[in-house]
C-alpha atoms as a PDB file:
ATOM      1  CA  MET A   1      76.840   2.956  47.459  1.00  0.00           C
ATOM      2  CA  ARG A   2      79.327   5.748  48.319  1.00  0.00           C
ATOM      3  CA  VAL A   3      83.088   5.570  48.533  1.00  0.00           C
ATOM      4  CA  GLU A   4      85.007   8.149  50.479  1.00  0.00           C
ATOM      5  CA  LEU A   5      88.836   8.408  49.762  1.00  0.00           C
ATOM      6  CA  LEU A   6      89.561  11.946  50.695  1.00  0.00           C
ATOM      7  CA  GLY A   7      90.588  11.090  54.240  1.00  0.00           C
ATOM      8  CA  PRO A   8      90.090   7.761  56.133  1.00  0.00           C
ATOM      9  CA  PHE A   9      88.795   5.187  53.815  1.00  0.00           C
ATOM     10  CA  GLU A  10      85.013   4.755  54.162  1.00  0.00           C
ATOM     11  CA  VAL A  11      82.313   2.958  52.330  1.00  0.00           C
ATOM     12  CA  ARG A  12      78.498   3.478  52.844  1.00  0.00           C
ATOM     13  CA  ASN A  13      75.650   1.525  51.419  1.00  0.00           C
ATOM     14  CA  GLY A  14      72.447   2.983  49.922  1.00  0.00           C
ATOM     15  CA  ASP A  15      70.979   3.359  53.413  1.00  0.00           C
ATOM     16  CA  GLY A  16      73.920   5.307  54.631  1.00  0.00           C
ATOM     17  CA  ALA A  17      75.346   2.543  56.831  1.00  0.00           C
ATOM     18  CA  VAL A  18      79.058   2.010  56.948  1.00  0.00           C
ATOM     19  CA  VAL A  19      80.243  -1.081  55.115  1.00  0.00           C
ATOM     20  CA  GLU A  20      83.272  -2.587  56.697  1.00  0.00           C
ATOM     21  CA  VAL A  21      85.997  -3.567  54.131  1.00  0.00           C
ATOM     22  CA  PRO A  22      88.740  -5.618  55.974  1.00  0.00           C
ATOM     23  CA  GLY A  23      92.287  -5.817  54.970  1.00  0.00           C
ATOM     24  CA  VAL A  24      94.588  -3.297  53.345  1.00  0.00           C
ATOM     25  CA  ARG A  25      94.614  -5.088  49.899  1.00  0.00           C
ATOM     26  CA  LEU A  26      90.768  -5.346  49.780  1.00  0.00           C
ATOM     27  CA  ARG A  27      90.559  -1.569  50.442  1.00  0.00           C
ATOM     28  CA  ALA A  28      93.348  -0.888  47.870  1.00  0.00           C
ATOM     29  CA  LEU A  29      91.326  -2.882  45.310  1.00  0.00           C
ATOM     30  CA  LEU A  30      88.141  -0.939  45.919  1.00  0.00           C
ATOM     31  CA  ALA A  31      90.058   2.382  45.953  1.00  0.00           C
ATOM     32  CA  ALA A  32      91.620   1.605  42.538  1.00  0.00           C
ATOM     33  CA  LEU A  33      88.204   0.810  41.048  1.00  0.00           C
ATOM     34  CA  ALA A  34      86.509   3.880  42.743  1.00  0.00           C
ATOM     35  CA  LEU A  35      89.108   6.256  41.160  1.00  0.00           C
ATOM     36  CA  GLU A  36      87.687   5.125  37.791  1.00  0.00           C
ATOM     37  CA  PRO A  37      83.880   5.005  38.605  1.00  0.00           C
ATOM     38  CA  GLY A  38      81.876   3.196  35.888  1.00  0.00           C
ATOM     39  CA  ARG A  39      85.078   2.638  33.808  1.00  0.00           C
ATOM     40  CA  ILE A  40      87.106  -0.656  33.222  1.00  0.00           C
ATOM     41  CA  VAL A  41      90.346  -0.851  35.094  1.00  0.00           C
ATOM     42  CA  THR A  42      92.670  -3.497  33.531  1.00  0.00           C
ATOM     43  CA  ARG A  43      94.052  -6.403  35.509  1.00  0.00           C
ATOM     44  CA  ALA A  44      97.604  -5.216  34.856  1.00  0.00           C
ATOM     45  CA  ARG A  45      96.833  -1.784  36.461  1.00  0.00           C
ATOM     46  CA  LEU A  46      95.173  -3.405  39.434  1.00  0.00           C
ATOM     47  CA  VAL A  47      98.062  -5.831  40.082  1.00  0.00           C
ATOM     48  CA  ASP A  48     100.555  -2.956  39.725  1.00  0.00           C
ATOM     49  CA  TRP A  49      98.403  -0.829  42.171  1.00  0.00           C
ATOM     50  CA  ILE A  50      98.067  -3.495  44.927  1.00  0.00           C
ATOM     51  CA  TRP A  51     101.289  -5.392  44.763  1.00  0.00           C
ATOM     52  CA  GLY A  52     103.720  -2.875  43.236  1.00  0.00           C
ATOM     53  CA  GLN A  53     107.192  -4.136  42.852  1.00  0.00           C
ATOM     54  CA  ARG A  54     106.396  -7.417  44.449  1.00  0.00           C
ATOM     55  CA  PRO A  55     103.625  -9.058  42.277  1.00  0.00           C
ATOM     56  CA  PRO A  56     102.460 -12.593  43.292  1.00  0.00           C
ATOM     57  CA  ALA A  57     103.539 -15.593  41.032  1.00  0.00           C
ATOM     58  CA  ASP A  58     100.059 -16.218  39.780  1.00  0.00           C
ATOM     59  CA  GLU A  59      98.803 -12.627  39.288  1.00  0.00           C
ATOM     60  CA  VAL A  60      95.386 -13.535  37.614  1.00  0.00           C
ATOM     61  CA  ASN A  61      94.265 -15.959  40.342  1.00  0.00           C
ATOM     62  CA  ALA A  62      95.525 -13.822  43.189  1.00  0.00           C
ATOM     63  CA  LEU A  63      93.567 -10.832  41.778  1.00  0.00           C
ATOM     64  CA  GLN A  64      90.507 -12.880  41.118  1.00  0.00           C
ATOM     65  CA  ALA A  65      90.500 -14.139  44.733  1.00  0.00           C
ATOM     66  CA  LEU A  66      90.653 -10.602  46.040  1.00  0.00           C
ATOM     67  CA  VAL A  67      87.715  -9.635  43.798  1.00  0.00           C
ATOM     68  CA  SER A  68      85.664 -12.590  45.166  1.00  0.00           C
ATOM     69  CA  ARG A  69      86.346 -11.554  48.663  1.00  0.00           C
ATOM     70  CA  LEU A  70      85.381  -7.886  47.982  1.00  0.00           C
ATOM     71  CA  ARG A  71      82.144  -8.881  46.297  1.00  0.00           C
ATOM     72  CA  ARG A  72      81.054 -10.709  49.492  1.00  0.00           C
ATOM     73  CA  VAL A  73      81.178  -7.439  51.507  1.00  0.00           C
ATOM     74  CA  LEU A  74      79.750  -5.092  48.952  1.00  0.00           C
ATOM     75  CA  PRO A  75      76.131  -4.826  47.611  1.00  0.00           C
ATOM     76  CA  ASP A  76      75.378  -7.332  44.777  1.00  0.00           C
ATOM     77  CA  GLY A  77      76.288  -6.383  41.326  1.00  0.00           C
ATOM     78  CA  VAL A  78      78.544  -3.453  42.229  1.00  0.00           C
ATOM     79  CA  ILE A  79      81.671  -5.112  40.794  1.00  0.00           C
ATOM     80  CA  GLU A  80      81.397  -6.217  37.212  1.00  0.00           C
ATOM     81  CA  ALA A  81      83.898  -8.376  35.365  1.00  0.00           C
ATOM     82  CA  GLU A  82      84.695  -7.191  31.871  1.00  0.00           C
ATOM     83  CA  SER A  83      87.130  -8.324  29.126  1.00  0.00           C
ATOM     84  CA  GLY A  84      90.501  -7.477  30.478  1.00  0.00           C
ATOM     85  CA  GLY A  85      89.556  -6.036  33.881  1.00  0.00           C
ATOM     86  CA  TYR A  86      86.877  -5.038  36.322  1.00  0.00           C
ATOM     87  CA  ARG A  87      84.564  -2.124  36.795  1.00  0.00           C
ATOM     88  CA  LEU A  88      82.880  -0.486  39.792  1.00  0.00           C
ATOM     89  CA  ALA A  89      79.240   0.015  38.706  1.00  0.00           C
ATOM     90  CA  VAL A  90      78.615   3.336  40.418  1.00  0.00           C
ATOM     91  CA  THR A  91      78.180   6.918  39.079  1.00  0.00           C
ATOM     92  CA  PRO A  92      80.951   9.446  39.475  1.00  0.00           C
ATOM     93  CA  ASP A  93      78.938  11.330  42.103  1.00  0.00           C
ATOM     94  CA  ALA A  94      79.185   8.322  44.334  1.00  0.00           C
ATOM     95  CA  VAL A  95      82.874   8.837  44.826  1.00  0.00           C
ATOM     96  CA  ASP A  96      84.201  11.928  46.669  1.00  0.00           C
ATOM     97  CA  VAL A  97      87.342  12.238  44.496  1.00  0.00           C
ATOM     98  CA  SER A  98      85.058  12.691  41.406  1.00  0.00           C
ATOM     99  CA  ARG A  99      82.846  15.052  43.174  1.00  0.00           C
ATOM    100  CA  PHE A 100      85.919  17.084  44.238  1.00  0.00           C
ATOM    101  CA  GLU A 101      87.273  17.233  40.760  1.00  0.00           C
ATOM    102  CA  HIS A 102      83.958  18.225  39.288  1.00  0.00           C
ATOM    103  CA  LEU A 103      83.590  21.114  41.691  1.00  0.00           C
ATOM    104  CA  VAL A 104      87.041  22.386  40.949  1.00  0.00           C
ATOM    105  CA  ALA A 105      86.320  22.316  37.198  1.00  0.00           C
ATOM    106  CA  GLN A 106      83.176  24.182  37.714  1.00  0.00           C
ATOM    107  CA  ALA A 107      84.905  26.841  39.683  1.00  0.00           C
ATOM    108  CA  ARG A 108      87.269  27.565  36.925  1.00  0.00           C
ATOM    109  CA  ALA A 109      84.510  29.020  34.785  1.00  0.00           C
ATOM    110  CA  ALA A 110      82.655  30.728  37.528  1.00  0.00           C
ATOM    111  CA  GLU A 111      82.607  34.477  38.647  1.00  0.00           C
ATOM    112  CA  PRO A 112      84.834  35.347  41.630  1.00  0.00           C
ATOM    113  CA  ALA A 113      82.178  35.064  44.303  1.00  0.00           C
ATOM    114  CA  ALA A 114      80.796  31.755  42.995  1.00  0.00           C
ATOM    115  CA  ARG A 115      84.262  30.506  42.445  1.00  0.00           C
ATOM    116  CA  ALA A 116      85.191  31.058  46.033  1.00  0.00           C
ATOM    117  CA  ASP A 117      81.941  29.186  47.179  1.00  0.00           C
ATOM    118  CA  LEU A 118      82.490  26.343  44.886  1.00  0.00           C
ATOM    119  CA  LEU A 119      86.156  25.853  45.911  1.00  0.00           C
ATOM    120  CA  ARG A 120      85.163  25.989  49.508  1.00  0.00           C
ATOM    121  CA  SER A 121      82.572  23.297  48.896  1.00  0.00           C
ATOM    122  CA  ALA A 122      85.196  21.066  47.183  1.00  0.00           C
ATOM    123  CA  LEU A 123      87.679  21.555  49.982  1.00  0.00           C
ATOM    124  CA  ALA A 124      85.016  20.602  52.568  1.00  0.00           C
ATOM    125  CA  LEU A 125      85.020  17.146  51.042  1.00  0.00           C
ATOM    126  CA  TRP A 126      88.499  16.487  52.474  1.00  0.00           C
ATOM    127  CA  ARG A 127      88.604  14.758  55.925  1.00  0.00           C
ATOM    128  CA  GLY A 128      92.336  14.292  56.140  1.00  0.00           C
ATOM    129  CA  THR A 129      95.151  12.799  54.103  1.00  0.00           C
ATOM    130  CA  ALA A 130      93.836  10.948  51.056  1.00  0.00           C
ATOM    131  CA  MET A 131      93.553   7.167  51.752  1.00  0.00           C
ATOM    132  CA  ALA A 132      95.842   7.561  54.760  1.00  0.00           C
ATOM    133  CA  ASP A 133      94.709   4.125  56.235  1.00  0.00           C
ATOM    134  CA  ILE A 134      95.485   2.121  53.170  1.00  0.00           C
ATOM    135  CA  ALA A 135      99.222   2.842  52.992  1.00  0.00           C
ATOM    136  CA  LEU A 136     100.264   0.183  50.469  1.00  0.00           C
ATOM    137  CA  GLN A 137     104.002  -0.728  50.598  1.00  0.00           C
ATOM    138  CA  ASP A 138     106.225  -0.694  47.381  1.00  0.00           C
ATOM    139  CA  SER A 139     103.375   0.640  45.215  1.00  0.00           C
ATOM    140  CA  ASP A 140     104.651   3.465  43.028  1.00  0.00           C
ATOM    141  CA  ALA A 141     101.212   3.800  41.381  1.00  0.00           C
ATOM    142  CA  PHE A 142      99.383   4.248  44.769  1.00  0.00           C
ATOM    143  CA  ASP A 143     102.066   6.764  45.945  1.00  0.00           C
ATOM    144  CA  ALA A 144     101.746   8.646  42.652  1.00  0.00           C
ATOM    145  CA  VAL A 145      97.916   8.941  43.065  1.00  0.00           C
ATOM    146  CA  VAL A 146      98.165  10.129  46.686  1.00  0.00           C
ATOM    147  CA  ALA A 147     100.822  12.694  45.731  1.00  0.00           C
ATOM    148  CA  ARG A 148      98.606  14.000  42.888  1.00  0.00           C
ATOM    149  CA  LEU A 149      95.582  14.285  45.178  1.00  0.00           C
ATOM    150  CA  ASP A 150      97.635  15.990  47.763  1.00  0.00           C
ATOM    151  CA  GLU A 151      99.001  18.558  45.201  1.00  0.00           C
ATOM    152  CA  LEU A 152      95.495  19.162  43.903  1.00  0.00           C
ATOM    153  CA  TYR A 153      94.224  19.850  47.360  1.00  0.00           C
ATOM    154  CA  VAL A 154      97.017  22.447  47.937  1.00  0.00           C
ATOM    155  CA  ALA A 155      96.453  24.032  44.483  1.00  0.00           C
ATOM    156  CA  THR A 156      92.677  24.284  45.054  1.00  0.00           C
ATOM    157  CA  LEU A 157      93.318  25.782  48.395  1.00  0.00           C
ATOM    158  CA  GLY A 158      95.571  28.421  46.778  1.00  0.00           C
ATOM    159  CA  ASP A 159      92.829  29.125  44.116  1.00  0.00           C
ATOM    160  CA  ARG A 160      90.266  29.635  46.885  1.00  0.00           C
ATOM    161  CA  VAL A 161      92.568  31.967  48.757  1.00  0.00           C
ATOM    162  CA  ASP A 162      93.147  33.909  45.485  1.00  0.00           C
ATOM    163  CA  ALA A 163      89.371  34.144  44.902  1.00  0.00           C
ATOM    164  CA  ASP A 164      88.868  35.486  48.476  1.00  0.00           C
ATOM    165  CA  ILE A 165      91.713  37.995  48.005  1.00  0.00           C
ATOM    166  CA  ARG A 166      90.122  39.292  44.803  1.00  0.00           C
ATOM    167  CA  LEU A 167      86.897  39.795  46.744  1.00  0.00           C
ATOM    168  CA  GLY A 168      88.655  42.051  49.184  1.00  0.00           C
ATOM    169  CA  ARG A 169      88.738  39.462  52.038  1.00  0.00           C
ATOM    170  CA  GLY A 170      92.462  39.464  52.538  1.00  0.00           C
ATOM    171  CA  SER A 171      92.464  40.969  56.086  1.00  0.00           C
ATOM    172  CA  GLU A 172      89.966  38.301  57.168  1.00  0.00           C
ATOM    173  CA  LEU A 173      92.307  35.543  56.058  1.00  0.00           C
ATOM    174  CA  ILE A 174      95.439  36.589  58.024  1.00  0.00           C
ATOM    175  CA  SER A 175      95.242  33.853  60.585  1.00  0.00           C
ATOM    176  CA  GLU A 176      94.543  31.059  58.072  1.00  0.00           C
ATOM    177  CA  LEU A 177      97.326  32.317  55.748  1.00  0.00           C
ATOM    178  CA  THR A 178      99.729  32.458  58.600  1.00  0.00           C
ATOM    179  CA  GLU A 179      99.207  28.819  59.209  1.00  0.00           C
ATOM    180  CA  LEU A 180      99.451  27.980  55.567  1.00  0.00           C
ATOM    181  CA  VAL A 181     102.711  29.826  55.178  1.00  0.00           C
ATOM    182  CA  ALA A 182     104.103  28.044  58.286  1.00  0.00           C
ATOM    183  CA  THR A 183     103.060  24.688  56.683  1.00  0.00           C
ATOM    184  CA  TYR A 184     104.142  25.547  53.196  1.00  0.00           C
ATOM    185  CA  PRO A 185     106.887  28.205  53.602  1.00  0.00           C
ATOM    186  CA  LEU A 186     108.096  27.948  50.047  1.00  0.00           C
ATOM    187  CA  ARG A 187     104.827  28.225  48.251  1.00  0.00           C
ATOM    188  CA  GLU A 188     105.072  31.824  47.091  1.00  0.00           C
ATOM    189  CA  GLY A 189     101.313  32.055  46.259  1.00  0.00           C
ATOM    190  CA  PHE A 190     100.453  31.693  50.076  1.00  0.00           C
ATOM    191  CA  VAL A 191     103.303  34.156  50.899  1.00  0.00           C
ATOM    192  CA  ALA A 192     101.898  36.669  48.422  1.00  0.00           C
ATOM    193  CA  ALA A 193      98.337  36.239  49.742  1.00  0.00           C
ATOM    194  CA  LEU A 194      99.525  36.792  53.359  1.00  0.00           C
ATOM    195  CA  MET A 195     101.470  39.810  52.172  1.00  0.00           C
ATOM    196  CA  ARG A 196      98.348  41.343  50.546  1.00  0.00           C
ATOM    197  CA  GLY A 197      96.194  40.581  53.622  1.00  0.00           C
ATOM    198  CA  LEU A 198      98.710  42.195  56.032  1.00  0.00           C
ATOM    199  CA  ALA A 199      98.927  45.189  53.675  1.00  0.00           C
ATOM    200  CA  GLU A 200      95.067  45.507  53.709  1.00  0.00           C
ATOM    201  CA  ALA A 201      95.002  45.342  57.488  1.00  0.00           C
ATOM    202  CA  GLY A 202      97.655  48.182  57.655  1.00  0.00           C
ATOM    203  CA  ARG A 203     100.433  45.844  58.701  1.00  0.00           C
ATOM    204  CA  GLY A 204     102.665  46.691  55.842  1.00  0.00           C
ATOM    205  CA  ASN A 205     105.870  46.358  57.871  1.00  0.00           C
ATOM    206  CA  GLU A 206     105.042  42.801  58.714  1.00  0.00           C
ATOM    207  CA  ALA A 207     104.395  42.052  55.017  1.00  0.00           C
ATOM    208  CA  LEU A 208     107.923  43.431  54.195  1.00  0.00           C
ATOM    209  CA  THR A 209     109.399  41.260  56.989  1.00  0.00           C
ATOM    210  CA  LEU A 210     107.599  38.213  55.560  1.00  0.00           C
ATOM    211  CA  TYR A 211     109.031  38.886  52.102  1.00  0.00           C
ATOM    212  CA  GLN A 212     112.547  39.200  53.477  1.00  0.00           C
ATOM    213  CA  ARG A 213     112.168  35.822  55.503  1.00  0.00           C
ATOM    214  CA  THR A 214     110.854  34.159  52.328  1.00  0.00           C
ATOM    215  CA  ARG A 215     113.685  35.448  50.258  1.00  0.00           C
ATOM    216  CA  GLU A 216     116.288  34.274  52.652  1.00  0.00           C
ATOM    217  CA  ARG A 217     114.620  30.833  52.896  1.00  0.00           C
ATOM    218  CA  LEU A 218     114.410  30.344  49.091  1.00  0.00           C
ATOM    219  CA  ALA A 219     118.076  31.281  48.788  1.00  0.00           C
ATOM    220  CA  GLU A 220     119.198  28.767  51.632  1.00  0.00           C
ATOM    221  CA  GLU A 221     117.001  25.868  50.594  1.00  0.00           C
ATOM    222  CA  LEU A 222     116.620  26.169  46.957  1.00  0.00           C
ATOM    223  CA  GLY A 223     119.382  28.552  45.906  1.00  0.00           C
ATOM    224  CA  ALA A 224     116.741  30.699  44.118  1.00  0.00           C
ATOM    225  CA  ASP A 225     115.375  34.160  44.093  1.00  0.00           C
ATOM    226  CA  PRO A 226     111.724  35.104  44.664  1.00  0.00           C
ATOM    227  CA  SER A 227     109.608  34.894  41.516  1.00  0.00           C
ATOM    228  CA  ALA A 228     108.982  38.027  39.459  1.00  0.00           C
ATOM    229  CA  GLU A 229     105.395  38.160  40.787  1.00  0.00           C
ATOM    230  CA  LEU A 230     106.492  38.105  44.378  1.00  0.00           C
ATOM    231  CA  SER A 231     109.255  40.720  43.777  1.00  0.00           C
ATOM    232  CA  ALA A 232     106.735  43.003  42.021  1.00  0.00           C
ATOM    233  CA  LEU A 233     104.392  42.717  45.085  1.00  0.00           C
ATOM    234  CA  HIS A 234     107.349  43.627  47.238  1.00  0.00           C
ATOM    235  CA  THR A 235     108.056  46.702  45.204  1.00  0.00           C
ATOM    236  CA  ALA A 236     104.410  47.743  45.204  1.00  0.00           C
ATOM    237  CA  LEU A 237     104.450  47.490  49.025  1.00  0.00           C
ATOM    238  CA  LEU A 238     107.628  49.754  49.193  1.00  0.00           C
ATOM    239  CA  ARG A 239     105.911  52.217  46.904  1.00  0.00           C
ATOM    240  CA  GLY A 240     102.740  52.293  49.106  1.00  0.00           C
ATOM    241  CA  GLU A 241     100.623  50.910  46.252  1.00  0.00           C
ATOM    242  CA  LEU A 242      98.805  48.342  48.426  1.00  0.00           C
ATOM    243  CA  GLY A 243      96.715  48.376  51.483  1.00  0.00           C
ATOM    244  CA  GLU A 244      95.931  51.422  53.494  1.00  0.00           C
ATOM    245  CA  ARG A 245      98.922  53.438  52.038  1.00  0.00           C
ATOM    246  CA  ALA A 246      97.507  52.833  48.616  1.00  0.00           C
ATOM    247  CA  GLU A 247      94.511  54.912  49.613  1.00  0.00           C
ATOM    248  CA  HIS A 248      96.721  57.839  50.387  1.00  0.00           C
ATOM    249  CA  HIS A 249      98.319  57.368  46.914  1.00  0.00           C
ATOM    250  CA  ARG A 250      94.913  58.040  45.220  1.00  0.00           C
ATOM    251  CA  THR A 251      95.560  61.688  45.893  1.00  0.00           C
ATOM    252  CA  ASN A 252      98.273  64.341  46.392  1.00  0.00           C
ATOM    253  CA  LEU A 253      96.070  66.752  48.247  1.00  0.00           C
ATOM    254  CA  ARG A 254      98.078  68.207  51.133  1.00  0.00           C
ATOM    255  CA  ALA A 255      96.889  67.785  54.722  1.00  0.00           C
ATOM    256  CA  GLU A 256      95.665  71.146  55.867  1.00  0.00           C
ATOM    257  CA  LEU A 257      96.924  72.756  59.142  1.00  0.00           C
ATOM    258  CA  THR A 258      93.612  74.445  59.870  1.00  0.00           C
ATOM    259  CA  SER A 259      90.025  73.402  59.709  1.00  0.00           C
ATOM    260  CA  PHE A 260      87.604  74.722  56.981  1.00  0.00           C
ATOM    261  CA  VAL A 261      84.898  76.179  59.225  1.00  0.00           C
ATOM    262  CA  GLY A 262      81.721  77.730  57.964  1.00  0.00           C
ATOM    263  CA  LYS A 263      82.027  76.600  54.304  1.00  0.00           C
ATOM    264  CA  ASP A 264      80.042  73.407  54.276  1.00  0.00           C
ATOM    265  CA  HIS A 265      77.372  74.970  52.076  1.00  0.00           C
ATOM    266  CA  ASP A 266      80.075  76.154  49.664  1.00  0.00           C
ATOM    267  CA  VAL A 267      81.704  72.636  49.563  1.00  0.00           C
ATOM    268  CA  SER A 268      78.329  70.982  48.994  1.00  0.00           C
ATOM    269  CA  ALA A 269      77.418  73.412  46.204  1.00  0.00           C
ATOM    270  CA  VAL A 270      80.758  72.930  44.337  1.00  0.00           C
ATOM    271  CA  ALA A 271      80.597  69.171  44.843  1.00  0.00           C
ATOM    272  CA  GLY A 272      77.128  69.098  43.259  1.00  0.00           C
ATOM    273  CA  LEU A 273      78.459  71.108  40.318  1.00  0.00           C
ATOM    274  CA  ALA A 274      81.443  68.718  39.920  1.00  0.00           C
ATOM    275  CA  ILE A 275      79.203  65.650  39.719  1.00  0.00           C
ATOM    276  CA  SER A 276      76.974  67.268  37.140  1.00  0.00           C
ATOM    277  CA  TYR A 277      79.524  68.997  34.899  1.00  0.00           C
ATOM    278  CA  ARG A 278      82.766  67.952  33.406  1.00  0.00           C
ATOM    279  CA  LEU A 279      84.438  71.356  34.134  1.00  0.00           C
ATOM    280  CA  VAL A 280      83.823  73.584  37.182  1.00  0.00           C
ATOM    281  CA  THR A 281      85.539  77.017  37.405  1.00  0.00           C
ATOM    282  CA  LEU A 282      85.994  78.894  40.593  1.00  0.00           C
ATOM    283  CA  THR A 283      86.690  82.640  40.172  1.00  0.00           C
ATOM    284  CA  GLY A 284      87.461  85.414  42.497  1.00  0.00           C
ATOM    285  CA  PRO A 285      90.138  87.850  43.640  1.00  0.00           C
ATOM    286  CA  GLY A 286      93.473  86.475  44.842  1.00  0.00           C
ATOM    287  CA  GLY A 287      93.462  85.211  48.409  1.00  0.00           C
ATOM    288  CA  SER A 288      89.626  84.768  48.447  1.00  0.00           C
ATOM    289  CA  GLY A 289      90.094  80.939  49.030  1.00  0.00           C
ATOM    290  CA  LYS A 290      89.411  79.476  45.612  1.00  0.00           C
ATOM    291  CA  THR A 291      92.232  76.881  45.984  1.00  0.00           C
ATOM    292  CA  ARG A 292      91.191  75.822  49.497  1.00  0.00           C
ATOM    293  CA  LEU A 293      87.549  75.405  48.511  1.00  0.00           C
ATOM    294  CA  ALA A 294      88.680  73.357  45.448  1.00  0.00           C
ATOM    295  CA  THR A 295      90.844  71.057  47.484  1.00  0.00           C
ATOM    296  CA  GLU A 296      88.416  70.626  50.338  1.00  0.00           C
ATOM    297  CA  THR A 297      85.684  69.738  47.795  1.00  0.00           C
ATOM    298  CA  ALA A 298      88.002  67.236  46.176  1.00  0.00           C
ATOM    299  CA  ARG A 299      88.687  65.701  49.553  1.00  0.00           C
ATOM    300  CA  THR A 300      85.122  65.097  50.136  1.00  0.00           C
ATOM    301  CA  LEU A 301      84.668  63.359  46.728  1.00  0.00           C
ATOM    302  CA  LEU A 302      87.872  61.251  47.120  1.00  0.00           C
ATOM    303  CA  THR A 303      85.989  57.996  47.923  1.00  0.00           C
ATOM    304  CA  GLU A 304      83.843  58.393  44.845  1.00  0.00           C
ATOM    305  CA  LEU A 305      86.673  58.802  42.313  1.00  0.00           C
ATOM    306  CA  PRO A 306      88.034  55.589  41.097  1.00  0.00           C
ATOM    307  CA  ASP A 307      91.351  57.276  39.989  1.00  0.00           C
ATOM    308  CA  GLY A 308      91.575  59.599  42.835  1.00  0.00           C
ATOM    309  CA  ALA A 309      91.816  63.361  42.908  1.00  0.00           C
ATOM    310  CA  TRP A 310      94.942  65.252  41.874  1.00  0.00           C
ATOM    311  CA  LEU A 311      96.080  68.708  42.440  1.00  0.00           C
ATOM    312  CA  VAL A 312      98.136  70.287  39.543  1.00  0.00           C
ATOM    313  CA  GLU A 313     100.115  73.228  40.543  1.00  0.00           C
ATOM    314  CA  LEU A 314     100.436  75.872  37.755  1.00  0.00           C
ATOM    315  CA  ALA A 315     102.701  78.972  37.714  1.00  0.00           C
ATOM    316  CA  SER A 316     103.478  82.030  35.532  1.00  0.00           C
ATOM    317  CA  VAL A 317     106.083  81.704  32.891  1.00  0.00           C
ATOM    318  CA  GLY A 318     108.915  84.248  32.440  1.00  0.00           C
ATOM    319  CA  ALA A 319     109.493  85.950  29.125  1.00  0.00           C
ATOM    320  CA  ALA A 320     112.819  84.106  28.597  1.00  0.00           C
ATOM    321  CA  VAL A 321     110.885  80.653  28.388  1.00  0.00           C
ATOM    322  CA  SER A 322     110.202  79.580  24.858  1.00  0.00           C
ATOM    323  CA  TRP A 323     106.949  77.627  24.278  1.00  0.00           C
ATOM    324  CA  ARG A 324     105.650  76.035  21.061  1.00  0.00           C
ATOM    325  CA  ARG A 325     102.117  76.876  21.776  1.00  0.00           C
ATOM    326  CA  PRO A 326     100.681  80.120  22.856  1.00  0.00           C
ATOM    327  CA  LEU A 327      99.736  80.249  26.600  1.00  0.00           C
ATOM    328  CA  LEU A 328      96.398  81.025  28.103  1.00  0.00           C
ATOM    329  CA  PRO A 329      96.215  83.937  30.508  1.00  0.00           C
ATOM    330  CA  ARG A 330      97.321  83.075  34.099  1.00  0.00           C
ATOM    331  CA  SER A 331      93.726  83.508  35.268  1.00  0.00           C
ATOM    332  CA  ALA A 332      92.583  80.741  32.974  1.00  0.00           C
ATOM    333  CA  CYS A 333      95.286  78.556  34.488  1.00  0.00           C
ATOM    334  CA  VAL A 334      93.838  79.197  38.005  1.00  0.00           C
ATOM    335  CA  THR A 335      90.461  78.309  37.016  1.00  0.00           C
ATOM    336  CA  ARG A 336      91.607  74.840  35.468  1.00  0.00           C
ATOM    337  CA  HIS A 337      93.710  74.452  38.572  1.00  0.00           C
ATOM    338  CA  CYS A 338      90.666  74.987  40.746  1.00  0.00           C
ATOM    339  CA  SER A 339      88.516  72.755  38.642  1.00  0.00           C
ATOM    340  CA  ALA A 340      90.561  69.724  39.782  1.00  0.00           C
ATOM    341  CA  VAL A 341      87.745  68.662  42.062  1.00  0.00           C
ATOM    342  CA  ARG A 342      85.960  66.872  39.253  1.00  0.00           C
ATOM    343  CA  GLY A 343      88.370  63.856  38.764  1.00  0.00           C
ATOM    344  CA  VAL A 344      86.614  62.223  35.778  1.00  0.00           C
ATOM    345  CA  GLY A 345      89.800  60.423  34.671  1.00  0.00           C
ATOM    346  CA  LYS A 346      90.069  62.488  31.350  1.00  0.00           C
ATOM    347  CA  ARG A 347      93.507  63.871  30.389  1.00  0.00           C
ATOM    348  CA  TRP A 348      94.916  65.163  33.571  1.00  0.00           C
ATOM    349  CA  ILE A 349      92.084  65.698  36.109  1.00  0.00           C
ATOM    350  CA  GLY A 350      90.992  62.675  38.263  1.00  0.00           C
ATOM    351  CA  SER A 351      93.418  59.999  37.030  1.00  0.00           C
ATOM    352  CA  SER A 352      96.997  59.448  37.998  1.00  0.00           C
ATOM    353  CA  PRO A 353      99.235  62.341  36.956  1.00  0.00           C
ATOM    354  CA  ARG A 354     101.498  59.618  35.572  1.00  0.00           C
ATOM    355  CA  SER A 355      98.980  58.443  33.162  1.00  0.00           C
ATOM    356  CA  GLY A 356      99.127  61.415  30.900  1.00  0.00           C
ATOM    357  CA  SER A 357     100.560  64.900  30.636  1.00  0.00           C
ATOM    358  CA  ALA A 358      98.555  67.984  31.464  1.00  0.00           C
ATOM    359  CA  PRO A 359      97.508  70.295  28.612  1.00  0.00           C
ATOM    360  CA  SER A 360      99.610  73.424  28.675  1.00  0.00           C
ATOM    361  CA  CYS A 361      97.945  76.627  29.891  1.00  0.00           C
END
C-alpha cells in the first residue's frame, strides 16, 4: 500500500489501484498514522490531530470507532493496535512524505550536480498543497504539520535553485525565478538567485532594479533592510564583479584602436612559450612593438587564465626619489612588463593586482 500526502490525498493498494477512503476524519486518521510509518502514534496525539480543540466526550471509543471503519477500507493487517496507540504497518518508502525527506537528506551530502538532481526528484513528488483535501477544522496539530511541509518545500526549492546557480545555470532559471520572486517577494534567497541569473544573462540593470524594489518592499512591509548577503551581492553588481561585466574585470588590457595584422605567427609563438615557461621576456629596440605583442598574446590567453591577465605599467624613476632597495635597469623593467602574458597567479602576474604588490624593479 502507498499513501500520498504531498498534494491531494491518495491511497493505492499493492496492485496500484486507488483505495477510496471516505470522510475527512478517516483520511485525517490515516494521514496521522502515515506521517509516522511503522511507528506507534499515541491515542492522545490522534485525538488532538483529528478533533483539535473540540474533542468528543468519549475520546477512546470515538477513536476506536474511526479505526474500525478505516480497517474495513484498507488491506487486512495494515493498521495494528499497540499499547497506548496504533501503528500503520508499512515501510517509510510507502509514504511520499518519507521519500521526500529521505531524498532531501541525501542531497545535503551530495556533490553539486548530484544534489541538484536529488532535490529535483524530491520536488517532483509534490502534486499540490499538502493534504489540501483534508482541511481539518480547529486542529492546531494538523495546521502545524501542513505549515512545516510547506516551509520544507520552499526551502528545498531554494536549495535546488542554489545548486543550479552554483552549476552556472542561472541564466536558464530566469523565467522560473521571476515567478518565484513574484510568489515569495520577501524571500531574499530567490531574489539573490534571480539577481545572479540576470547578471549572467547580461541584464545587470534589471538585477539592480530588482534589488531596489526588494529593498523598498522590505522597508514598507517589515521595517527591515536587506540582509548582509543581499547587500553584498548588490555591491558586487555595482562593481561589475558578476555576470558579463565580471569577465571584463579579469583583465585591465586596453581595447586597441587598430588591428594586429600579420602577427599571428608571433602571437602563437609567444603564447606557446608563456604556457611552457614561467617567465617570458620580449626584447628589442624601442617602438618595435614589444608591448603590443605582449598584450595581444595575453588577450588570446585570457580565457585560459583563472585569475585573468593584468598589465602593470612601469616607468623610470627620477634621481630625487629615494628607494630602500636598488633598482634594476629600466630595460629589465620593460622585459618584466612584457612578460605579463603568462598570468600564472604568482606574485603580480596573472592574479588580480589587488592580491599583492609587484616586486620593485
